[in-house]
């Protein structure tokens, strides 16, 4: 499993660390938390999408070499922008072939900028033919529950949606619920493939 942070945080984000720790202890899966290049270079402003997508492909290739596996055996994703960029690569929105991963974990998917529901980020969703877990709060200003339901209906792969009540985009104080959703989803995926 490879996990990326949102635009304003790094791979040491407590939510990603909580998932990393839980998945490592509850499953036999290897986990890596990955920063985008701009974070590794000490910058705060994210790079443009093409560079972010290229870095996801590069990190997936490196993890496959390191772990002796192929993308089909990886689950990738992340928080907010991290998950969105992963989903774009999996759909082939970077102009390359879609990345054939085992699944996507999208936490607080940023469907649109806050207050701008007319600027949807959904063009690539019909290209997601893999299992997808979407975890979001019902007070997320980047996507309402209804907007996410409409958007996820465009995804041809199986989608599991988990909505956390009273929680915003930051998923503050929800690490335990997010971890439970990820572990449950991973367990369901393993049972389906067995």
C-alpha atoms as a PDB file:
ATOM      1  CA  UNK A   1       0.000   0.000   0.000  1.00  0.00           C
ATOM      2  CA  UNK A   2       1.275   3.443  -0.957  1.00  0.00           C
ATOM      3  CA  UNK A   3      -0.275   6.556   0.622  1.00  0.00           C
ATOM      4  CA  UNK A   4       0.153  10.230  -0.283  1.00  0.00           C
ATOM      5  CA  UNK A   5      -0.817  13.271   1.813  1.00  0.00           C
ATOM      6  CA  UNK A   6      -3.010  16.194   0.885  1.00  0.00           C
ATOM      7  CA  UNK A   7      -1.643  19.424  -0.567  1.00  0.00           C
ATOM      8  CA  UNK A   8      -1.060  21.112   2.777  1.00  0.00           C
ATOM      9  CA  UNK A   9       0.551  18.256   4.667  1.00  0.00           C
ATOM     10  CA  UNK A  10       3.338  15.711   4.461  1.00  0.00           C
ATOM     11  CA  UNK A  11       3.679  11.945   4.697  1.00  0.00           C
ATOM     12  CA  UNK A  12       4.068  12.271   8.475  1.00  0.00           C
ATOM     13  CA  UNK A  13       0.429  13.402   8.747  1.00  0.00           C
ATOM     14  CA  UNK A  14      -1.025  11.643  11.825  1.00  0.00           C
ATOM     15  CA  UNK A  15      -3.913  10.206   9.799  1.00  0.00           C
ATOM     16  CA  UNK A  16      -1.562   8.532   7.332  1.00  0.00           C
ATOM     17  CA  UNK A  17       0.671   7.297  10.141  1.00  0.00           C
ATOM     18  CA  UNK A  18      -2.381   5.769  11.863  1.00  0.00           C
ATOM     19  CA  UNK A  19      -3.351   3.886   8.685  1.00  0.00           C
ATOM     20  CA  UNK A  20       0.244   2.785   8.123  1.00  0.00           C
ATOM     21  CA  UNK A  21       0.559   1.425  11.676  1.00  0.00           C
ATOM     22  CA  UNK A  22      -2.818  -0.325  11.621  1.00  0.00           C
ATOM     23  CA  UNK A  23      -2.394  -1.939   8.201  1.00  0.00           C
ATOM     24  CA  UNK A  24       1.107  -3.167   9.060  1.00  0.00           C
ATOM     25  CA  UNK A  25      -0.050  -4.713  12.340  1.00  0.00           C
ATOM     26  CA  UNK A  26      -3.365  -6.163  11.112  1.00  0.00           C
ATOM     27  CA  UNK A  27      -2.303  -7.483   7.690  1.00  0.00           C
ATOM     28  CA  UNK A  28       0.759  -8.829   5.943  1.00  0.00           C
ATOM     29  CA  UNK A  29       0.804  -5.803   3.634  1.00  0.00           C
ATOM     30  CA  UNK A  30       3.796  -3.532   3.306  1.00  0.00           C
ATOM     31  CA  UNK A  31       2.985   0.167   3.559  1.00  0.00           C
ATOM     32  CA  UNK A  32       4.851   3.276   2.477  1.00  0.00           C
ATOM     33  CA  UNK A  33       3.863   6.904   2.985  1.00  0.00           C
ATOM     34  CA  UNK A  34       5.152   9.080   0.166  1.00  0.00           C
ATOM     35  CA  UNK A  35       5.692  12.817  -0.206  1.00  0.00           C
ATOM     36  CA  UNK A  36       5.270  14.631  -3.502  1.00  0.00           C
ATOM     37  CA  UNK A  37       8.441  16.262  -4.953  1.00  0.00           C
ATOM     38  CA  UNK A  38       7.522  19.793  -3.838  1.00  0.00           C
ATOM     39  CA  UNK A  39       7.399  18.633  -0.209  1.00  0.00           C
ATOM     40  CA  UNK A  40      10.721  16.824  -0.456  1.00  0.00           C
ATOM     41  CA  UNK A  41      12.174  20.033  -1.940  1.00  0.00           C
ATOM     42  CA  UNK A  42      10.899  22.088   1.010  1.00  0.00           C
ATOM     43  CA  UNK A  43       8.227  23.981  -0.922  1.00  0.00           C
ATOM     44  CA  UNK A  44       4.656  24.511   0.247  1.00  0.00           C
ATOM     45  CA  UNK A  45       2.919  25.097  -3.080  1.00  0.00           C
ATOM     46  CA  UNK A  46       2.057  21.913  -4.986  1.00  0.00           C
ATOM     47  CA  UNK A  47       3.484  21.273  -8.418  1.00  0.00           C
ATOM     48  CA  UNK A  48       1.161  21.144 -11.395  1.00  0.00           C
ATOM     49  CA  UNK A  49      -0.816  17.941 -11.964  1.00  0.00           C
ATOM     50  CA  UNK A  50       1.469  16.485 -14.688  1.00  0.00           C
ATOM     51  CA  UNK A  51       4.502  16.536 -12.368  1.00  0.00           C
ATOM     52  CA  UNK A  52       2.448  15.133  -9.476  1.00  0.00           C
ATOM     53  CA  UNK A  53       1.105  12.312 -11.660  1.00  0.00           C
ATOM     54  CA  UNK A  54       4.596  11.510 -12.966  1.00  0.00           C
ATOM     55  CA  UNK A  55       5.842  11.266  -9.383  1.00  0.00           C
ATOM     56  CA  UNK A  56       3.056   8.800  -8.508  1.00  0.00           C
ATOM     57  CA  UNK A  57       4.039   6.586 -11.436  1.00  0.00           C
ATOM     58  CA  UNK A  58       7.679   6.815 -10.423  1.00  0.00           C
ATOM     59  CA  UNK A  59       6.980   5.951  -6.775  1.00  0.00           C
ATOM     60  CA  UNK A  60       4.776   2.999  -7.766  1.00  0.00           C
ATOM     61  CA  UNK A  61       7.527   1.676 -10.055  1.00  0.00           C
ATOM     62  CA  UNK A  62      10.115   2.098  -7.286  1.00  0.00           C
ATOM     63  CA  UNK A  63       7.907   0.314  -4.736  1.00  0.00           C
ATOM     64  CA  UNK A  64       7.332  -2.552  -7.156  1.00  0.00           C
ATOM     65  CA  UNK A  65      11.093  -2.957  -7.644  1.00  0.00           C
ATOM     66  CA  UNK A  66      11.770  -2.689  -3.904  1.00  0.00           C
ATOM     67  CA  UNK A  67       9.029  -5.138  -2.932  1.00  0.00           C
ATOM     68  CA  UNK A  68       9.389  -7.496  -5.897  1.00  0.00           C
ATOM     69  CA  UNK A  69       5.819  -7.082  -7.073  1.00  0.00           C
ATOM     70  CA  UNK A  70       3.736  -5.409  -9.775  1.00  0.00           C
ATOM     71  CA  UNK A  71       1.172  -2.573  -9.653  1.00  0.00           C
ATOM     72  CA  UNK A  72      -1.692  -5.087  -9.805  1.00  0.00           C
ATOM     73  CA  UNK A  73      -0.786  -6.080  -6.256  1.00  0.00           C
ATOM     74  CA  UNK A  74      -0.709  -2.535  -4.846  1.00  0.00           C
ATOM     75  CA  UNK A  75      -3.380  -0.415  -3.255  1.00  0.00           C
ATOM     76  CA  UNK A  76      -2.635   3.283  -3.629  1.00  0.00           C
ATOM     77  CA  UNK A  77      -4.320   6.478  -2.567  1.00  0.00           C
ATOM     78  CA  UNK A  78      -4.265   9.192   0.001  1.00  0.00           C
ATOM     79  CA  UNK A  79      -5.851  12.220   1.531  1.00  0.00           C
ATOM     80  CA  UNK A  80      -7.471  14.938  -0.560  1.00  0.00           C
ATOM     81  CA  UNK A  81      -5.095  15.937  -3.384  1.00  0.00           C
ATOM     82  CA  UNK A  82      -2.952  12.839  -2.797  1.00  0.00           C
ATOM     83  CA  UNK A  83      -5.891  10.558  -3.468  1.00  0.00           C
ATOM     84  CA  UNK A  84      -7.092  12.649  -6.390  1.00  0.00           C
ATOM     85  CA  UNK A  85      -3.717  12.513  -8.143  1.00  0.00           C
ATOM     86  CA  UNK A  86      -3.540   8.746  -7.577  1.00  0.00           C
ATOM     87  CA  UNK A  87      -7.010   8.323  -9.058  1.00  0.00           C
ATOM     88  CA  UNK A  88      -6.010  10.349 -12.121  1.00  0.00           C
ATOM     89  CA  UNK A  89      -2.991   8.093 -12.734  1.00  0.00           C
ATOM     90  CA  UNK A  90      -5.094   4.958 -12.270  1.00  0.00           C
ATOM     91  CA  UNK A  91      -7.533   6.341 -14.868  1.00  0.00           C
ATOM     92  CA  UNK A  92      -4.747   7.245 -17.290  1.00  0.00           C
ATOM     93  CA  UNK A  93      -5.531  10.979 -17.105  1.00  0.00           C
ATOM     94  CA  UNK A  94      -1.817  11.674 -17.553  1.00  0.00           C
ATOM     95  CA  UNK A  95      -1.984  10.387 -21.143  1.00  0.00           C
ATOM     96  CA  UNK A  96      -0.280   7.119 -20.258  1.00  0.00           C
ATOM     97  CA  UNK A  97      -1.985   3.742 -19.948  1.00  0.00           C
ATOM     98  CA  UNK A  98      -4.182   3.460 -16.850  1.00  0.00           C
ATOM     99  CA  UNK A  99      -2.162   2.207 -13.884  1.00  0.00           C
ATOM    100  CA  UNK A 100      -3.498  -1.300 -13.097  1.00  0.00           C
ATOM    101  CA  UNK A 101      -3.574  -1.297  -9.290  1.00  0.00           C
ATOM    102  CA  UNK A 102      -5.527  -3.572  -6.956  1.00  0.00           C
ATOM    103  CA  UNK A 103      -7.511  -0.664  -5.538  1.00  0.00           C
ATOM    104  CA  UNK A 104      -7.737   2.995  -4.556  1.00  0.00           C
ATOM    105  CA  UNK A 105      -8.215   4.549  -1.114  1.00  0.00           C
ATOM    106  CA  UNK A 106      -9.564   8.102  -1.397  1.00  0.00           C
ATOM    107  CA  UNK A 107      -9.937  10.047   1.843  1.00  0.00           C
ATOM    108  CA  UNK A 108     -11.654  13.440   1.669  1.00  0.00           C
ATOM    109  CA  UNK A 109     -11.705  13.392  -2.129  1.00  0.00           C
ATOM    110  CA  UNK A 110     -11.617  17.060  -3.254  1.00  0.00           C
ATOM    111  CA  UNK A 111     -14.487  16.928  -5.736  1.00  0.00           C
ATOM    112  CA  UNK A 112     -14.400  20.706  -6.227  1.00  0.00           C
ATOM    113  CA  UNK A 113     -12.786  23.745  -4.603  1.00  0.00           C
ATOM    114  CA  UNK A 114     -14.748  24.946  -1.539  1.00  0.00           C
ATOM    115  CA  UNK A 115     -17.715  27.053  -2.582  1.00  0.00           C
ATOM    116  CA  UNK A 116     -17.258  26.221  -6.285  1.00  0.00           C
ATOM    117  CA  UNK A 117     -19.433  23.177  -6.988  1.00  0.00           C
ATOM    118  CA  UNK A 118     -19.469  24.115 -10.681  1.00  0.00           C
ATOM    119  CA  UNK A 119     -15.739  23.254 -10.948  1.00  0.00           C
ATOM    120  CA  UNK A 120     -16.024  19.483 -10.609  1.00  0.00           C
ATOM    121  CA  UNK A 121     -12.948  17.274 -10.815  1.00  0.00           C
ATOM    122  CA  UNK A 122     -14.687  14.253 -12.287  1.00  0.00           C
ATOM    123  CA  UNK A 123     -13.477  13.940 -15.903  1.00  0.00           C
ATOM    124  CA  UNK A 124     -11.318  10.921 -15.137  1.00  0.00           C
ATOM    125  CA  UNK A 125     -13.739   9.027 -12.876  1.00  0.00           C
ATOM    126  CA  UNK A 126     -15.237   6.898 -15.702  1.00  0.00           C
ATOM    127  CA  UNK A 127     -11.721   5.483 -16.202  1.00  0.00           C
ATOM    128  CA  UNK A 128     -11.565   3.952 -12.712  1.00  0.00           C
ATOM    129  CA  UNK A 129     -12.211   0.254 -13.201  1.00  0.00           C
ATOM    130  CA  UNK A 130     -10.668  -0.811  -9.885  1.00  0.00           C
ATOM    131  CA  UNK A 131     -12.233  -1.135  -6.408  1.00  0.00           C
ATOM    132  CA  UNK A 132     -12.422   2.254  -4.698  1.00  0.00           C
ATOM    133  CA  UNK A 133     -12.861   3.183  -1.042  1.00  0.00           C
ATOM    134  CA  UNK A 134     -14.104   6.737  -0.458  1.00  0.00           C
ATOM    135  CA  UNK A 135     -13.995   8.017   3.127  1.00  0.00           C
ATOM    136  CA  UNK A 136     -15.322  11.507   3.758  1.00  0.00           C
ATOM    137  CA  UNK A 137     -16.981  13.664   6.358  1.00  0.00           C
ATOM    138  CA  UNK A 138     -20.526  14.886   5.957  1.00  0.00           C
ATOM    139  CA  UNK A 139     -19.326  18.469   6.565  1.00  0.00           C
ATOM    140  CA  UNK A 140     -16.616  18.461   3.901  1.00  0.00           C
ATOM    141  CA  UNK A 141     -16.629  21.772   1.991  1.00  0.00           C
ATOM    142  CA  UNK A 142     -14.879  20.111  -0.977  1.00  0.00           C
ATOM    143  CA  UNK A 143     -17.793  17.684  -1.568  1.00  0.00           C
ATOM    144  CA  UNK A 144     -21.195  17.102  -0.048  1.00  0.00           C
ATOM    145  CA  UNK A 145     -22.418  13.565   0.549  1.00  0.00           C
ATOM    146  CA  UNK A 146     -24.865  13.983  -2.342  1.00  0.00           C
ATOM    147  CA  UNK A 147     -22.189  15.341  -4.697  1.00  0.00           C
ATOM    148  CA  UNK A 148     -19.885  12.432  -3.899  1.00  0.00           C
ATOM    149  CA  UNK A 149     -22.687   9.927  -4.478  1.00  0.00           C
ATOM    150  CA  UNK A 150     -23.393  11.438  -7.903  1.00  0.00           C
ATOM    151  CA  UNK A 151     -19.696  11.500  -8.791  1.00  0.00           C
ATOM    152  CA  UNK A 152     -18.981   7.955  -7.582  1.00  0.00           C
ATOM    153  CA  UNK A 153     -21.825   6.678  -9.771  1.00  0.00           C
ATOM    154  CA  UNK A 154     -19.540   7.521 -12.732  1.00  0.00           C
ATOM    155  CA  UNK A 155     -16.924   5.025 -11.502  1.00  0.00           C
ATOM    156  CA  UNK A 156     -17.343   1.634 -13.223  1.00  0.00           C
ATOM    157  CA  UNK A 157     -15.335  -0.238 -10.567  1.00  0.00           C
ATOM    158  CA  UNK A 158     -16.929  -1.199  -7.239  1.00  0.00           C
ATOM    159  CA  UNK A 159     -17.143   1.780  -4.875  1.00  0.00           C
ATOM    160  CA  UNK A 160     -17.416   1.580  -1.096  1.00  0.00           C
ATOM    161  CA  UNK A 161     -18.418   4.892   0.474  1.00  0.00           C
ATOM    162  CA  UNK A 162     -17.980   5.641   4.168  1.00  0.00           C
ATOM    163  CA  UNK A 163     -19.387   8.910   5.489  1.00  0.00           C
ATOM    164  CA  UNK A 164     -18.274  10.142   8.890  1.00  0.00           C
ATOM    165  CA  UNK A 165     -20.928  12.239  10.672  1.00  0.00           C
ATOM    166  CA  UNK A 166     -19.987  15.670  11.962  1.00  0.00           C
ATOM    167  CA  UNK A 167     -16.584  15.588  10.252  1.00  0.00           C
ATOM    168  CA  UNK A 168     -15.067  18.099   7.823  1.00  0.00           C
ATOM    169  CA  UNK A 169     -12.449  17.860   5.107  1.00  0.00           C
ATOM    170  CA  UNK A 170      -9.592  17.530   7.593  1.00  0.00           C
ATOM    171  CA  UNK A 171     -11.114  14.364   9.136  1.00  0.00           C
ATOM    172  CA  UNK A 172     -10.040  15.788  12.498  1.00  0.00           C
ATOM    173  CA  UNK A 173     -10.339  13.360  15.432  1.00  0.00           C
ATOM    174  CA  UNK A 174     -11.479  10.605  13.051  1.00  0.00           C
ATOM    175  CA  UNK A 175      -8.325   8.533  12.654  1.00  0.00           C
ATOM    176  CA  UNK A 176      -9.874   5.548  14.402  1.00  0.00           C
ATOM    177  CA  UNK A 177     -12.943   5.568  12.127  1.00  0.00           C
ATOM    178  CA  UNK A 178     -10.830   6.049   8.990  1.00  0.00           C
ATOM    179  CA  UNK A 179      -8.512   3.206  10.002  1.00  0.00           C
ATOM    180  CA  UNK A 180     -11.512   0.944  10.673  1.00  0.00           C
ATOM    181  CA  UNK A 181     -12.960   1.755   7.232  1.00  0.00           C
ATOM    182  CA  UNK A 182      -9.650   0.997   5.498  1.00  0.00           C
ATOM    183  CA  UNK A 183      -9.108  -2.276   7.367  1.00  0.00           C
ATOM    184  CA  UNK A 184     -12.683  -3.410   6.726  1.00  0.00           C
ATOM    185  CA  UNK A 185     -12.383  -2.577   3.024  1.00  0.00           C
ATOM    186  CA  UNK A 186      -9.037  -4.358   2.714  1.00  0.00           C
ATOM    187  CA  UNK A 187     -10.483  -7.396   4.498  1.00  0.00           C
ATOM    188  CA  UNK A 188     -13.484  -7.455   2.160  1.00  0.00           C
ATOM    189  CA  UNK A 189     -11.203  -7.218  -0.880  1.00  0.00           C
ATOM    190  CA  UNK A 190      -9.081 -10.115   0.351  1.00  0.00           C
ATOM    191  CA  UNK A 191     -12.169 -12.261   0.978  1.00  0.00           C
ATOM    192  CA  UNK A 192     -13.453 -11.514  -2.543  1.00  0.00           C
ATOM    193  CA  UNK A 193     -10.149 -12.489  -4.127  1.00  0.00           C
ATOM    194  CA  UNK A 194      -9.727 -15.689  -2.060  1.00  0.00           C
END
